[in-house]
Amino acid sequence: MTERFSYTLNATDGRARTGVINTPRGDIRTPAFMPVGTAATVKAMMPESVRATGADILLGNTYHLMLRPTAERIDRLGGLHKFMNWDRPILTDSGGFQVMSLAELRKLTEEGVTFKSHIDGSKHHLTPERSMEIQKLLGSDIVMCFDECPALPASDEDVRKSMELSMRWAQRSRDAFGDRPGHALFGIQQGGVTEELRGISAEKLREIEFDGYAVGGLAVGEGQEAMFGVLDYAPDMLPKDKPRYLMGVGKPDDIVGAVARGIDMMDCVLPSRSGRTGQAWTRRGQVNIKNARHSDDPRPLDEACTCPACSNYSRAYLNHVFRSHEMISGMLITWHNLHYYQELMQGMRDAISAGTFEAFQAEFHATRAMGDIEPL
C-alpha cells in the first residue's frame, strides 16, 4: 500500500492509455469509471454492492454535502469514508458546477460565488479557499480545484473571461490546498470548444502544477460531435505522466470515444439515474424495461451479464416491479447498469494492454448497432 499519490502508465494503443493511480486507500485501474455518490450514497446501492461491480473509486458532491449534512458534521463523525462506509478512494468535485446549475440567485465576483441553497434558500459563500476547506473536512483522496463552468453555447468573450477567472481560482486553490501527502489536487482545463483558449488554460495549469488534470466544461449541452472535437486535441495539451479526467461523461459510446482520445477517468450519474427510471444499458444498447414487450419475457436483460439482475431475474419480473413502483426495481437495474459500465472499462483496459483497442471499438459499435434482442 502506497503512502503517496502517484500514476503509472502501463500501456498505450493509439491515444488510448491504461495504467494505475496509486493512493493510500487503494489502486485505481485506468481507464476508470467513477460512480457518483452525490449525497454520500450511490442511489439504490449498498457500498459493498458498488465495489462488487468493480468500482475502485466513487465521486462525492461538495455542493450537496456542504448544504446537507454539512462538511463540519461529516468531519466530526470521522470523515466521508467512515460516514458512508466506503474505505476506498473518493474524489470530490469543487461545487462550482452545481452552484452554476442548481443554486438560485447566485452572484459571481472575483472572490467567489454567493448563492442561495436549492434546499431551503439559506445563503452561502463559496470561494476557492472555502472549497478546499470543505473537501479537506470531507477527507476525500482526490480534490478538485474550484472553477467556473459556463453553460454552452456562450460567446467567445464570455468563455475567455470565465476561463481566465478559473485559472486565477486554480492558483488560489493550489495555495489553499497546501501540502497534504497522500491526497491529490486536480486542476481543471476550461476554454469551451475553442482550441486556443484550451491551450492557454492547459499552459497555466501546467505552470501551477497539479497531481492530475481534468478536461472541464464539456458534456454541458454542446453535443457529442463538438465534445469529441475538443477531445481530439485537449488531452494532449495536458501532461502525459498525470491522470486525465473528463468530468460528467457519459453514455457508453461517449466513454469509449473519450478513452480512444486519451482520457483516463470519467464520472456520470447516468447508470444510476437510468436505473431508477427503468432504463437498462446493455452491450446491445438501451433497454426500456417499462415497455409492454417485456411483460411476458422470461429471458434476462442480457444473457452474457453476470450481475444479480441478469443472473436471477427475468425481464418480465423487472417489468412488473418497475410498473408496481417497487424499490427493488431501481436497485436491480442500477446494479446491472453499474456492472455493465465496469465491465466496459475492464474490456477497454484489457484491449489497450493487448494492443487490440481498435478491434474492441469496432465490436462495441457493431454489437450496439444490432439493437435489443427480438421480442418473443
Protein backbone atom coordinates (compact mmCIF):
# COMPACT_ATOMS: atom_id res chain seq x y z
CA MET A 1 0.00 0.00 0.00
CA THR A 2 1.45 3.35 -1.07
CA GLU A 3 1.65 6.36 1.25
CA ARG A 4 1.66 8.82 -1.62
CA PHE A 5 -0.43 9.58 -4.68
CA SER A 6 1.16 8.53 -7.97
CA TYR A 7 0.26 7.49 -11.51
CA THR A 8 1.84 4.74 -13.59
CA LEU A 9 1.16 4.49 -17.32
CA ASN A 10 1.34 0.79 -18.25
CA ALA A 11 0.39 0.65 -21.94
CA THR A 12 -0.90 2.74 -24.83
CA ASP A 13 -2.72 1.75 -28.01
CA GLY A 14 -3.10 4.69 -30.36
CA ARG A 15 -4.04 7.52 -28.00
CA ALA A 16 -5.84 5.18 -25.56
CA ARG A 17 -3.99 4.59 -22.28
CA THR A 18 -4.17 2.10 -19.42
CA GLY A 19 -2.43 2.45 -16.10
CA VAL A 20 -2.86 2.63 -12.32
CA ILE A 21 -3.40 5.54 -9.95
CA ASN A 22 -1.86 4.59 -6.59
CA THR A 23 -3.42 6.10 -3.46
CA PRO A 24 -3.07 5.25 0.25
CA ARG A 25 -6.64 3.89 0.13
CA GLY A 26 -6.03 1.56 -2.80
CA ASP A 27 -5.26 1.45 -6.50
CA ILE A 28 -7.50 2.85 -9.23
CA ARG A 29 -7.21 1.00 -12.53
CA THR A 30 -7.48 3.26 -15.56
CA PRO A 31 -9.40 3.93 -17.69
CA ALA A 32 -11.70 4.24 -14.65
CA PHE A 33 -15.40 4.95 -14.38
CA MET A 34 -16.40 6.58 -11.08
CA PRO A 35 -20.00 6.02 -9.93
CA VAL A 36 -21.50 9.19 -8.49
CA GLY A 37 -22.39 9.15 -4.78
CA THR A 38 -23.92 12.64 -4.73
CA ALA A 39 -25.12 12.80 -1.10
CA ALA A 40 -22.70 10.20 0.35
CA THR A 41 -24.53 7.34 -1.35
CA VAL A 42 -24.74 5.82 -4.81
CA LYS A 43 -28.53 5.87 -5.03
CA ALA A 44 -30.26 2.46 -4.65
CA MET A 45 -26.92 0.70 -3.93
CA MET A 46 -25.05 -0.54 -0.85
CA PRO A 47 -21.34 0.46 -0.88
CA GLU A 48 -20.26 -3.21 -0.90
CA SER A 49 -22.50 -3.79 -3.92
CA VAL A 50 -20.87 -0.86 -5.75
CA ARG A 51 -17.48 -2.41 -5.00
CA ALA A 52 -18.75 -5.79 -6.26
CA THR A 53 -19.45 -4.22 -9.68
CA GLY A 54 -15.71 -3.48 -9.97
CA ALA A 55 -15.62 0.21 -8.96
CA ASP A 56 -12.27 1.32 -7.50
CA ILE A 57 -13.34 4.89 -6.65
CA LEU A 58 -16.52 6.90 -6.01
CA LEU A 59 -17.35 10.56 -6.50
CA GLY A 60 -18.96 12.78 -3.84
CA ASN A 61 -20.52 16.22 -4.39
CA THR A 62 -19.10 19.12 -2.38
CA TYR A 63 -22.14 21.34 -3.03
CA HIS A 64 -24.70 18.79 -1.82
CA LEU A 65 -22.65 17.66 1.19
CA MET A 66 -21.80 21.20 2.34
CA LEU A 67 -25.54 22.01 2.45
CA ARG A 68 -26.64 18.70 3.98
CA PRO A 69 -25.48 17.23 6.35
CA THR A 70 -22.57 19.84 6.21
CA ALA A 71 -18.86 19.13 5.90
CA GLU A 72 -18.32 20.05 9.55
CA ARG A 73 -20.76 17.36 10.69
CA ILE A 74 -19.15 14.73 8.43
CA ASP A 75 -15.74 15.71 9.83
CA ARG A 76 -16.98 15.33 13.44
CA LEU A 77 -18.32 11.88 12.54
CA GLY A 78 -14.95 10.69 11.24
CA GLY A 79 -14.86 11.83 7.61
CA LEU A 80 -16.71 10.87 4.45
CA HIS A 81 -15.18 7.38 4.06
CA LYS A 82 -16.32 6.29 7.51
CA PHE A 83 -19.63 8.17 7.26
CA MET A 84 -20.71 6.34 4.08
CA ASN A 85 -18.88 3.05 4.76
CA TRP A 86 -16.59 3.22 1.71
CA ASP A 87 -12.93 2.56 2.57
CA ARG A 88 -11.54 3.03 -0.95
CA PRO A 89 -10.65 6.26 -2.77
CA ILE A 90 -13.17 9.10 -3.09
CA LEU A 91 -12.95 12.07 -5.46
CA THR A 92 -14.90 15.20 -4.56
CA ASP A 93 -15.81 17.86 -7.10
CA SER A 94 -15.35 21.51 -6.11
CA GLY A 95 -19.00 22.54 -6.02
CA GLY A 96 -18.59 25.00 -8.88
CA PHE A 97 -20.70 23.13 -11.43
CA GLN A 98 -23.62 22.56 -9.03
CA VAL A 99 -23.58 26.20 -7.94
CA MET A 100 -23.90 27.19 -11.60
CA SER A 101 -26.60 24.63 -12.42
CA LEU A 102 -28.67 24.25 -9.21
CA ALA A 103 -28.31 27.23 -6.92
CA GLU A 104 -30.74 30.13 -7.01
CA LEU A 105 -29.89 33.84 -7.11
CA ARG A 106 -26.16 33.35 -7.42
CA LYS A 107 -23.75 36.27 -7.60
CA LEU A 108 -20.32 35.78 -9.12
CA THR A 109 -17.35 38.00 -8.21
CA GLU A 110 -13.56 37.70 -8.35
CA GLU A 111 -13.69 36.49 -4.76
CA GLY A 112 -16.12 33.60 -5.34
CA VAL A 113 -19.83 32.84 -5.58
CA THR A 114 -22.63 33.80 -3.21
CA PHE A 115 -25.75 31.71 -3.69
CA LYS A 116 -28.99 30.54 -2.10
CA SER A 117 -29.40 26.83 -1.34
CA HIS A 118 -31.83 24.96 -3.61
CA ILE A 119 -32.95 23.08 -0.45
CA ASP A 120 -34.00 25.82 1.96
CA GLY A 121 -32.97 29.15 0.47
CA SER A 122 -30.17 29.69 3.03
CA LYS A 123 -27.32 31.93 1.86
CA HIS A 124 -23.81 30.55 1.28
CA HIS A 125 -20.48 31.87 0.03
CA LEU A 126 -18.14 29.55 -1.86
CA THR A 127 -14.58 30.57 -2.74
CA PRO A 128 -11.54 28.54 -3.84
CA GLU A 129 -10.32 28.63 -0.22
CA ARG A 130 -13.67 27.52 1.23
CA SER A 131 -13.97 24.73 -1.37
CA MET A 132 -10.52 23.43 -0.34
CA GLU A 133 -11.54 23.64 3.34
CA ILE A 134 -14.78 21.72 2.75
CA GLN A 135 -13.03 18.99 0.75
CA LYS A 136 -10.38 18.67 3.48
CA LEU A 137 -13.13 18.28 6.12
CA LEU A 138 -14.73 15.58 3.96
CA GLY A 139 -11.34 13.85 3.75
CA SER A 140 -11.52 12.99 0.05
CA ASP A 141 -8.47 11.47 -1.64
CA ILE A 142 -8.74 13.47 -4.87
CA VAL A 143 -9.74 17.13 -4.53
CA MET A 144 -10.86 19.24 -7.49
CA CYS A 145 -9.86 22.91 -7.69
CA PHE A 146 -12.70 25.45 -7.66
CA ASP A 147 -13.67 26.68 -11.12
CA GLU A 148 -16.44 28.37 -13.00
CA CYS A 149 -18.18 26.35 -15.68
CA PRO A 150 -20.16 28.48 -18.15
CA ALA A 151 -23.13 26.83 -19.86
CA LEU A 152 -22.60 26.43 -23.59
CA PRO A 153 -23.34 27.96 -26.03
CA ALA A 154 -21.63 31.14 -24.82
CA SER A 155 -19.81 33.95 -26.64
CA ASP A 156 -16.04 33.62 -27.14
CA GLU A 157 -15.54 36.63 -24.88
CA ASP A 158 -17.62 35.09 -22.07
CA VAL A 159 -15.77 31.77 -22.38
CA ARG A 160 -12.39 33.58 -22.29
CA LYS A 161 -13.32 35.63 -19.21
CA SER A 162 -14.65 32.54 -17.46
CA MET A 163 -11.52 30.52 -18.29
CA GLU A 164 -9.21 33.29 -17.05
CA LEU A 165 -11.19 33.55 -13.79
CA SER A 166 -10.99 29.76 -13.38
CA MET A 167 -7.19 29.89 -13.83
CA ARG A 168 -6.87 32.57 -11.11
CA TRP A 169 -9.07 30.39 -8.90
CA ALA A 170 -6.89 27.37 -9.77
CA GLN A 171 -3.84 29.19 -8.34
CA ARG A 172 -5.79 30.11 -5.20
CA SER A 173 -6.99 26.51 -4.86
CA ARG A 174 -3.39 25.27 -5.13
CA ASP A 175 -2.23 27.77 -2.48
CA ALA A 176 -5.07 26.87 -0.12
CA PHE A 177 -4.65 23.11 -0.62
CA GLY A 178 -1.10 23.26 0.71
CA ASP A 179 0.96 20.12 1.26
CA ARG A 180 -1.22 17.08 2.01
CA PRO A 181 0.77 13.84 1.44
CA GLY A 182 -1.45 11.01 0.20
CA HIS A 183 -4.08 13.45 -1.11
CA ALA A 184 -4.16 14.82 -4.65
CA LEU A 185 -5.33 18.10 -6.16
CA PHE A 186 -6.51 18.15 -9.78
CA GLY A 187 -6.58 21.25 -11.97
CA ILE A 188 -9.43 21.77 -14.45
CA GLN A 189 -8.86 22.88 -18.04
CA GLN A 190 -11.51 25.26 -19.39
CA GLY A 191 -11.95 27.12 -22.67
CA GLY A 192 -15.20 25.84 -24.13
CA VAL A 193 -14.82 24.48 -27.66
CA THR A 194 -12.02 26.92 -28.63
CA GLU A 195 -8.61 25.29 -29.17
CA GLU A 196 -6.64 28.49 -28.48
CA LEU A 197 -8.37 29.05 -25.10
CA ARG A 198 -7.90 25.38 -24.14
CA GLY A 199 -4.19 25.76 -24.90
CA ILE A 200 -3.85 28.88 -22.72
CA SER A 201 -5.70 27.13 -19.90
CA ALA A 202 -3.53 24.00 -20.12
CA GLU A 203 -0.34 26.09 -20.10
CA LYS A 204 -1.44 27.95 -16.97
CA LEU A 205 -2.37 24.70 -15.18
CA ARG A 206 0.99 23.13 -16.06
CA GLU A 207 2.76 26.20 -14.60
CA ILE A 208 0.83 25.84 -11.32
CA GLU A 209 1.45 22.05 -11.28
CA PHE A 210 -1.24 19.59 -10.19
CA ASP A 211 -1.35 15.87 -9.37
CA GLY A 212 -3.85 15.28 -12.17
CA TYR A 213 -5.75 17.30 -14.76
CA ALA A 214 -9.41 17.41 -15.76
CA VAL A 215 -10.97 18.44 -19.04
CA GLY A 216 -13.86 20.55 -17.76
CA GLY A 217 -16.68 22.46 -19.40
CA LEU A 218 -17.81 19.62 -21.67
CA ALA A 219 -20.97 17.47 -21.54
CA VAL A 220 -22.89 20.68 -20.83
CA GLY A 221 -25.09 20.65 -23.92
CA GLU A 222 -22.58 21.00 -26.77
CA GLY A 223 -23.33 17.53 -28.22
CA GLN A 224 -21.09 14.53 -28.82
CA GLU A 225 -19.56 15.76 -32.08
CA ALA A 226 -18.38 19.05 -30.52
CA MET A 227 -17.17 17.22 -27.39
CA PHE A 228 -15.11 14.74 -29.45
CA GLY A 229 -13.82 17.68 -31.49
CA VAL A 230 -12.33 19.18 -28.30
CA LEU A 231 -11.07 15.79 -27.10
CA ASP A 232 -9.20 15.39 -30.40
CA TYR A 233 -6.67 17.93 -29.05
CA ALA A 234 -7.38 18.84 -25.39
CA PRO A 235 -5.99 15.73 -23.57
CA ASP A 236 -2.67 16.01 -25.47
CA MET A 237 -2.24 19.55 -24.09
CA LEU A 238 -2.02 18.06 -20.57
CA PRO A 239 0.99 16.25 -19.04
CA LYS A 240 1.33 12.65 -20.24
CA ASP A 241 2.61 11.43 -16.86
CA LYS A 242 -0.51 12.52 -14.92
CA PRO A 243 -4.11 11.22 -14.97
CA ARG A 244 -6.59 12.96 -17.26
CA TYR A 245 -10.19 13.19 -16.09
CA LEU A 246 -13.19 14.04 -18.28
CA MET A 247 -15.89 15.39 -15.97
CA GLY A 248 -19.54 14.35 -16.21
CA VAL A 249 -19.31 11.79 -19.04
CA GLY A 250 -21.33 9.88 -20.01
CA LYS A 251 -23.11 7.37 -22.23
CA PRO A 252 -21.20 4.19 -23.13
CA ASP A 253 -20.31 5.44 -26.63
CA ASP A 254 -19.13 8.78 -25.12
CA ILE A 255 -16.87 6.84 -22.75
CA VAL A 256 -15.34 4.63 -25.45
CA GLY A 257 -14.76 7.69 -27.67
CA ALA A 258 -13.16 9.59 -24.78
CA VAL A 259 -10.80 6.71 -23.91
CA ALA A 260 -9.83 6.47 -27.60
CA ARG A 261 -8.78 10.13 -27.34
CA GLY A 262 -6.56 9.71 -24.27
CA ILE A 263 -8.89 10.12 -21.26
CA ASP A 264 -8.18 8.08 -18.08
CA MET A 265 -11.10 8.85 -15.72
CA MET A 266 -14.80 9.63 -16.07
CA ASP A 267 -17.88 10.00 -13.89
CA CYS A 268 -21.59 10.25 -14.61
CA VAL A 269 -24.93 9.93 -12.81
CA LEU A 270 -26.36 8.19 -15.89
CA PRO A 271 -26.11 4.49 -14.90
CA SER A 272 -27.72 5.08 -11.51
CA ARG A 273 -30.25 7.69 -12.67
CA SER A 274 -31.28 5.50 -15.61
CA GLY A 275 -31.62 2.53 -13.25
CA ARG A 276 -34.28 4.35 -11.24
CA THR A 277 -36.26 5.26 -14.36
CA GLY A 278 -36.31 1.75 -15.84
CA GLN A 279 -33.56 2.30 -18.43
CA ALA A 280 -31.01 -0.51 -18.68
CA TRP A 281 -27.72 -0.13 -20.56
CA THR A 282 -26.58 -3.33 -22.25
CA ARG A 283 -23.95 -4.26 -24.83
CA ARG A 284 -26.78 -4.17 -27.39
CA GLY A 285 -27.84 -0.67 -26.45
CA GLN A 286 -30.56 0.70 -24.20
CA VAL A 287 -33.50 -1.36 -22.93
CA ASN A 288 -36.60 0.40 -21.63
CA ILE A 289 -37.92 -2.14 -19.13
CA LYS A 290 -41.33 -0.48 -18.76
CA ASN A 291 -42.28 -1.36 -22.34
CA ALA A 292 -45.12 -3.93 -22.59
CA ARG A 293 -42.98 -6.20 -24.82
CA HIS A 294 -41.09 -7.34 -21.68
CA SER A 295 -44.12 -8.27 -19.55
CA ASP A 296 -44.16 -11.96 -20.62
CA ASP A 297 -40.44 -12.34 -21.38
CA PRO A 298 -38.70 -14.98 -19.19
CA ARG A 299 -35.24 -14.08 -20.53
CA PRO A 300 -32.70 -11.92 -18.64
CA LEU A 301 -31.86 -8.35 -19.60
CA ASP A 302 -28.56 -9.58 -21.04
CA GLU A 303 -27.71 -13.29 -21.25
CA ALA A 304 -23.95 -12.60 -21.17
CA CYS A 305 -24.15 -10.47 -17.99
CA THR A 306 -23.32 -11.95 -14.56
CA CYS A 307 -24.91 -9.21 -12.40
CA PRO A 308 -27.67 -10.24 -9.92
CA ALA A 309 -30.42 -8.72 -12.08
CA CYS A 310 -29.42 -10.80 -15.10
CA SER A 311 -28.43 -13.94 -13.15
CA ASN A 312 -31.57 -14.23 -11.04
CA TYR A 313 -34.45 -12.27 -12.58
CA SER A 314 -36.40 -12.16 -15.84
CA ARG A 315 -37.35 -9.17 -17.94
CA ALA A 316 -40.95 -9.98 -17.01
CA TYR A 317 -40.14 -9.61 -13.30
CA LEU A 318 -38.19 -6.38 -13.83
CA ASN A 319 -41.09 -5.01 -15.90
CA HIS A 320 -43.54 -5.97 -13.13
CA VAL A 321 -41.61 -4.43 -10.22
CA PHE A 322 -40.95 -1.23 -12.19
CA ARG A 323 -44.63 -0.82 -13.07
CA SER A 324 -45.57 -1.61 -9.45
CA HIS A 325 -43.19 1.12 -8.20
CA GLU A 326 -41.28 -1.41 -6.07
CA MET A 327 -37.90 -0.28 -4.69
CA ILE A 328 -36.18 -3.45 -5.89
CA SER A 329 -36.66 -2.26 -9.47
CA GLY A 330 -34.25 0.65 -9.10
CA MET A 331 -31.87 -1.49 -7.04
CA LEU A 332 -31.59 -4.28 -9.61
CA ILE A 333 -31.39 -2.12 -12.74
CA THR A 334 -28.88 0.26 -11.14
CA TRP A 335 -26.71 -2.72 -10.15
CA HIS A 336 -26.93 -4.03 -13.71
CA ASN A 337 -26.01 -0.64 -15.22
CA LEU A 338 -23.01 -0.11 -12.92
CA HIS A 339 -21.87 -3.70 -13.59
CA TYR A 340 -22.12 -3.11 -17.35
CA TYR A 341 -20.14 0.15 -17.11
CA GLN A 342 -17.37 -1.50 -15.07
CA GLU A 343 -17.28 -4.47 -17.47
CA LEU A 344 -16.88 -1.98 -20.33
CA MET A 345 -13.92 -0.34 -18.53
CA GLN A 346 -12.28 -3.73 -17.90
CA GLY A 347 -12.76 -4.66 -21.55
CA MET A 348 -11.02 -1.46 -22.63
CA ARG A 349 -8.15 -1.92 -20.15
CA ASP A 350 -7.59 -5.47 -21.45
CA ALA A 351 -7.79 -4.39 -25.11
CA ILE A 352 -5.33 -1.49 -24.64
CA SER A 353 -2.88 -3.83 -22.85
CA ALA A 354 -3.19 -6.37 -25.66
CA GLY A 355 -2.91 -3.76 -28.43
CA THR A 356 -6.38 -4.65 -29.77
CA PHE A 357 -8.28 -1.49 -28.87
CA GLU A 358 -9.31 -0.74 -32.45
CA ALA A 359 -10.91 -4.18 -32.77
CA PHE A 360 -12.59 -3.68 -29.37
CA GLN A 361 -14.11 -0.41 -30.57
CA ALA A 362 -15.35 -1.97 -33.81
CA GLU A 363 -17.02 -4.83 -31.95
CA PHE A 364 -18.52 -2.45 -29.36
CA HIS A 365 -20.18 -0.33 -32.07
CA ALA A 366 -21.28 -3.35 -34.15
CA THR A 367 -22.95 -5.03 -31.16
CA ARG A 368 -24.73 -1.82 -30.15
CA ALA A 369 -25.94 -1.33 -33.72
CA MET A 370 -27.75 -4.72 -33.56
CA GLY A 371 -30.20 -3.28 -31.04
CA ASP A 372 -32.09 -5.24 -28.38
CA ILE A 373 -32.91 -8.95 -28.82
CA GLU A 374 -36.07 -9.69 -30.84
CA PRO A 375 -39.33 -9.78 -28.82
CA LEU A 376 -40.76 -13.24 -28.16
